[in-house]
C-alpha atoms as a PDB file:
ATOM      1  CA  MET A   1      88.683 120.122  58.932  1.00  0.00           C
ATOM      2  CA  LYS A   2      88.417 118.231  62.232  1.00  0.00           C
ATOM      3  CA  ARG A   3      90.675 118.524  64.713  1.00  0.00           C
ATOM      4  CA  ILE A   4      91.885 115.202  65.776  1.00  0.00           C
ATOM      5  CA  ALA A   5      94.408 114.728  68.371  1.00  0.00           C
ATOM      6  CA  ILE A   6      96.567 111.633  69.343  1.00  0.00           C
ATOM      7  CA  PHE A   7      97.237 111.047  73.111  1.00  0.00           C
ATOM      8  CA  PRO A   8     100.270 108.564  72.640  1.00  0.00           C
ATOM      9  CA  GLY A   9     101.656 106.502  75.472  1.00  0.00           C
ATOM     10  CA  SER A  10     102.264 102.980  76.854  1.00  0.00           C
ATOM     11  CA  PHE A  11      99.786 103.669  79.637  1.00  0.00           C
ATOM     12  CA  ASP A  12     100.888 100.746  81.971  1.00  0.00           C
ATOM     13  CA  PRO A  13      98.805 101.522  83.565  1.00  0.00           C
ATOM     14  CA  PHE A  14      96.410 104.472  82.934  1.00  0.00           C
ATOM     15  CA  THR A  15      96.877 107.015  85.799  1.00  0.00           C
ATOM     16  CA  ASN A  16      95.057 109.728  87.410  1.00  0.00           C
ATOM     17  CA  GLY A  17      97.411 112.059  85.605  1.00  0.00           C
ATOM     18  CA  HIS A  18      96.573 110.534  82.152  1.00  0.00           C
ATOM     19  CA  LEU A  19      92.911 111.083  83.030  1.00  0.00           C
ATOM     20  CA  ASP A  20      93.469 114.580  83.458  1.00  0.00           C
ATOM     21  CA  VAL A  21      95.136 115.231  80.430  1.00  0.00           C
ATOM     22  CA  VAL A  22      92.552 113.464  78.636  1.00  0.00           C
ATOM     23  CA  GLN A  23      89.844 115.379  80.162  1.00  0.00           C
ATOM     24  CA  ARG A  24      91.351 118.781  79.556  1.00  0.00           C
ATOM     25  CA  GLY A  25      92.424 117.822  76.143  1.00  0.00           C
ATOM     26  CA  ALA A  26      89.196 116.504  74.879  1.00  0.00           C
ATOM     27  CA  ALA A  27      87.924 120.022  75.262  1.00  0.00           C
ATOM     28  CA  LEU A  28      90.525 121.470  72.495  1.00  0.00           C
ATOM     29  CA  PHE A  29      90.164 118.938  69.985  1.00  0.00           C
ATOM     30  CA  ASP A  30      86.889 117.300  67.665  1.00  0.00           C
ATOM     31  CA  GLU A  31      88.326 114.024  68.494  1.00  0.00           C
ATOM     32  CA  LEU A  32      90.997 112.593  70.772  1.00  0.00           C
ATOM     33  CA  ILE A  33      92.456 109.168  70.180  1.00  0.00           C
ATOM     34  CA  ILE A  34      93.982 107.364  73.082  1.00  0.00           C
ATOM     35  CA  ALA A  35      96.802 105.659  71.206  1.00  0.00           C
ATOM     36  CA  ILE A  36      98.537 102.825  73.317  1.00  0.00           C
ATOM     37  CA  GLY A  37     101.881 102.344  71.685  1.00  0.00           C
ATOM     38  CA  ASN A  38     103.812  99.132  71.944  1.00  0.00           C
ATOM     39  CA  ASN A  39     107.454  99.861  73.054  1.00  0.00           C
ATOM     40  CA  SER A  40     109.478  96.986  72.093  1.00  0.00           C
ATOM     41  CA  THR A  41     112.011  98.081  74.714  1.00  0.00           C
ATOM     42  CA  LYS A  42     109.659  97.610  77.822  1.00  0.00           C
ATOM     43  CA  GLN A  43     107.942  94.653  79.258  1.00  0.00           C
ATOM     44  CA  ARG A  44     104.518  95.791  80.139  1.00  0.00           C
ATOM     45  CA  TYR A  45     102.798  95.183  83.322  1.00  0.00           C
ATOM     46  CA  MET A  46      99.601  94.843  82.101  1.00  0.00           C
ATOM     47  CA  PRO A  47      98.600  93.448  78.637  1.00  0.00           C
ATOM     48  CA  VAL A  48      97.487  96.302  75.993  1.00  0.00           C
ATOM     49  CA  GLU A  49      94.279  94.464  75.170  1.00  0.00           C
ATOM     50  CA  LYS A  50      93.523  94.722  78.956  1.00  0.00           C
ATOM     51  CA  MET A  51      94.347  98.754  78.993  1.00  0.00           C
ATOM     52  CA  VAL A  52      92.598  99.300  75.564  1.00  0.00           C
ATOM     53  CA  GLU A  53      89.263  97.884  77.289  1.00  0.00           C
ATOM     54  CA  ILE A  54      89.782  99.502  80.922  1.00  0.00           C
ATOM     55  CA  ILE A  55      90.282 102.904  79.138  1.00  0.00           C
ATOM     56  CA  ALA A  56      87.610 102.310  76.589  1.00  0.00           C
ATOM     57  CA  ASP A  57      85.413 101.577  79.579  1.00  0.00           C
ATOM     58  CA  LEU A  58      86.286 104.799  81.270  1.00  0.00           C
ATOM     59  CA  PHE A  59      85.132 107.122  78.216  1.00  0.00           C
ATOM     60  CA  LYS A  60      82.317 104.998  76.887  1.00  0.00           C
ATOM     61  CA  SER A  61      79.724 108.120  77.194  1.00  0.00           C
ATOM     62  CA  ASP A  62      82.084 110.506  75.289  1.00  0.00           C
ATOM     63  CA  GLU A  63      81.943 109.742  71.560  1.00  0.00           C
ATOM     64  CA  ARG A  64      84.689 112.086  70.712  1.00  0.00           C
ATOM     65  CA  ILE A  65      87.368 110.040  72.753  1.00  0.00           C
ATOM     66  CA  ARG A  66      88.436 106.550  71.453  1.00  0.00           C
ATOM     67  CA  VAL A  67      91.227 104.206  72.310  1.00  0.00           C
ATOM     68  CA  GLN A  68      93.160 102.328  69.785  1.00  0.00           C
ATOM     69  CA  ALA A  69      96.317 100.012  70.114  1.00  0.00           C
ATOM     70  CA  TYR A  70      99.135 100.599  67.613  1.00  0.00           C
ATOM     71  CA  LYS A  71     102.369  99.561  66.525  1.00  0.00           C
ATOM     72  CA  GLY A  72     105.329 101.470  64.817  1.00  0.00           C
ATOM     73  CA  LEU A  73     105.972 104.944  64.544  1.00  0.00           C
ATOM     74  CA  THR A  74     103.526 107.433  66.573  1.00  0.00           C
ATOM     75  CA  ALA A  75     104.046 109.720  63.346  1.00  0.00           C
ATOM     76  CA  ASP A  76     103.052 107.216  61.229  1.00  0.00           C
ATOM     77  CA  PHE A  77      99.982 106.312  63.124  1.00  0.00           C
ATOM     78  CA  ALA A  78      99.014 109.919  63.472  1.00  0.00           C
ATOM     79  CA  ARG A  79      99.125 110.130  59.395  1.00  0.00           C
ATOM     80  CA  GLU A  80      97.048 107.046  59.139  1.00  0.00           C
ATOM     81  CA  THR A  81      94.490 108.073  61.372  1.00  0.00           C
ATOM     82  CA  GLY A  82      94.301 111.866  59.855  1.00  0.00           C
ATOM     83  CA  ALA A  83      95.520 113.318  63.119  1.00  0.00           C
ATOM     84  CA  ARG A  84      97.081 116.561  63.074  1.00  0.00           C
ATOM     85  CA  PHE A  85      98.039 117.043  66.672  1.00  0.00           C
ATOM     86  CA  LEU A  86      99.659 115.082  69.515  1.00  0.00           C
ATOM     87  CA  LEU A  87      98.705 115.703  72.935  1.00  0.00           C
ATOM     88  CA  ARG A  88     101.374 115.283  75.662  1.00  0.00           C
ATOM     89  CA  GLY A  89     101.241 115.924  79.305  1.00  0.00           C
ATOM     90  CA  LEU A  90     104.180 117.395  81.279  1.00  0.00           C
ATOM     91  CA  ARG A  91     104.808 116.874  85.164  1.00  0.00           C
ATOM     92  CA  ASN A  92     108.104 118.567  85.160  1.00  0.00           C
ATOM     93  CA  THR A  93     111.081 120.082  83.202  1.00  0.00           C
ATOM     94  CA  THR A  94     112.355 116.691  82.726  1.00  0.00           C
ATOM     95  CA  ASP A  95     109.299 115.489  80.837  1.00  0.00           C
ATOM     96  CA  PHE A  96     109.913 118.531  78.921  1.00  0.00           C
ATOM     97  CA  GLU A  97     113.238 117.984  77.838  1.00  0.00           C
ATOM     98  CA  TYR A  98     112.394 114.369  76.768  1.00  0.00           C
ATOM     99  CA  GLU A  99     109.166 115.390  75.033  1.00  0.00           C
ATOM    100  CA  ASN A 100     110.817 118.281  73.137  1.00  0.00           C
ATOM    101  CA  THR A 101     113.367 115.816  71.435  1.00  0.00           C
ATOM    102  CA  ILE A 102     110.510 113.566  70.697  1.00  0.00           C
ATOM    103  CA  ALA A 103     108.009 116.464  69.293  1.00  0.00           C
ATOM    104  CA  GLN A 104     111.240 117.395  67.168  1.00  0.00           C
ATOM    105  CA  ALA A 105     111.637 113.657  65.624  1.00  0.00           C
ATOM    106  CA  ASN A 106     107.919 113.327  65.325  1.00  0.00           C
ATOM    107  CA  ARG A 107     108.047 116.674  63.447  1.00  0.00           C
ATOM    108  CA  HIS A 108     110.576 115.433  60.823  1.00  0.00           C
ATOM    109  CA  VAL A 109     108.851 112.135  60.043  1.00  0.00           C
ATOM    110  CA  ASN A 110     105.152 113.888  59.581  1.00  0.00           C
ATOM    111  CA  PRO A 111     105.820 117.631  58.946  1.00  0.00           C
ATOM    112  CA  GLY A 112     102.131 118.423  59.650  1.00  0.00           C
ATOM    113  CA  LEU A 113     101.980 116.941  62.864  1.00  0.00           C
ATOM    114  CA  GLU A 114     101.917 119.462  65.650  1.00  0.00           C
ATOM    115  CA  THR A 115     102.534 118.700  69.356  1.00  0.00           C
ATOM    116  CA  VAL A 116     100.406 120.241  72.027  1.00  0.00           C
ATOM    117  CA  PHE A 117     101.726 120.012  75.807  1.00  0.00           C
ATOM    118  CA  LEU A 118      99.382 120.390  78.948  1.00  0.00           C
ATOM    119  CA  ILE A 119     100.896 120.802  82.318  1.00  0.00           C
ATOM    120  CA  THR A 120      99.905 118.301  84.540  1.00  0.00           C
ATOM    121  CA  SER A 121      97.506 119.510  87.370  1.00  0.00           C
ATOM    122  CA  PRO A 122      99.827 119.978  90.467  1.00  0.00           C
ATOM    123  CA  PRO A 123      98.366 117.469  92.621  1.00  0.00           C
ATOM    124  CA  LEU A 124      98.548 114.621  90.067  1.00  0.00           C
ATOM    125  CA  ALA A 125     102.156 115.595  88.862  1.00  0.00           C
ATOM    126  CA  ALA A 126     103.841 113.242  91.242  1.00  0.00           C
ATOM    127  CA  ILE A 127     102.407 110.563  89.753  1.00  0.00           C
ATOM    128  CA  SER A 128     104.009 108.090  87.277  1.00  0.00           C
ATOM    129  CA  SER A 129     102.954 104.558  85.767  1.00  0.00           C
ATOM    130  CA  SER A 130     106.417 103.204  86.891  1.00  0.00           C
ATOM    131  CA  ILE A 131     105.797 104.153  90.665  1.00  0.00           C
ATOM    132  CA  ILE A 132     102.268 102.805  90.460  1.00  0.00           C
ATOM    133  CA  ARG A 133     103.610  99.447  89.012  1.00  0.00           C
ATOM    134  CA  GLU A 134     106.108  99.339  91.875  1.00  0.00           C
ATOM    135  CA  ILE A 135     103.922  99.701  94.759  1.00  0.00           C
ATOM    136  CA  HIS A 136     101.434  97.065  93.180  1.00  0.00           C
ATOM    137  CA  SER A 137     103.958  94.634  92.347  1.00  0.00           C
ATOM    138  CA  TYR A 138     104.924  94.653  96.202  1.00  0.00           C
ATOM    139  CA  GLY A 139     100.980  94.310  97.124  1.00  0.00           C
ATOM    140  CA  GLY A 140     100.240  98.082  98.011  1.00  0.00           C
ATOM    141  CA  ASN A 141      97.219  99.996  97.522  1.00  0.00           C
ATOM    142  CA  VAL A 142      96.996 102.279  94.383  1.00  0.00           C
ATOM    143  CA  ASP A 143      93.629 102.957  94.269  1.00  0.00           C
ATOM    144  CA  ALA A 144      94.184 106.700  94.714  1.00  0.00           C
ATOM    145  CA  PHE A 145      96.510 106.825  91.960  1.00  0.00           C
ATOM    146  CA  ILE A 146      94.291 105.016  88.789  1.00  0.00           C
ATOM    147  CA  PRO A 147      90.578 105.614  87.970  1.00  0.00           C
ATOM    148  CA  PHE A 148      90.194 101.839  87.931  1.00  0.00           C
ATOM    149  CA  ARG A 149      90.733  98.667  90.050  1.00  0.00           C
ATOM    150  CA  ILE A 150      93.620  96.488  89.445  1.00  0.00           C
END
């Protein structure tokens, strides 16, 4: 049976920390879907369609990695795609507390779904999409934090 994993997130924008998790996670699974969710409580900085295009271009040479936008519950999307694993990156203990709660809820909705956590590489742990959006919105240079040009 193929080991399919989903790496879900808003990726608004996709950071070097996200890139790190994808590259390391791809070695663990047969297929990795970078799943861009639509969080109804957040207003996006970059359109979902644009992020799908940018991220797909980053991984165009690796046929095991694909990018897909989705709506609804991540656990349901995992079931629809045949994914048995969720890949999540952890920067700190605050992330763990938040992600642990989500993992338990996902397991309730989809009992066959296992969450796999990867610790973010130390040099990238301070990077967050919200900080990047803030810097960029005031005209700051964010090139060191993201693997593409805005």
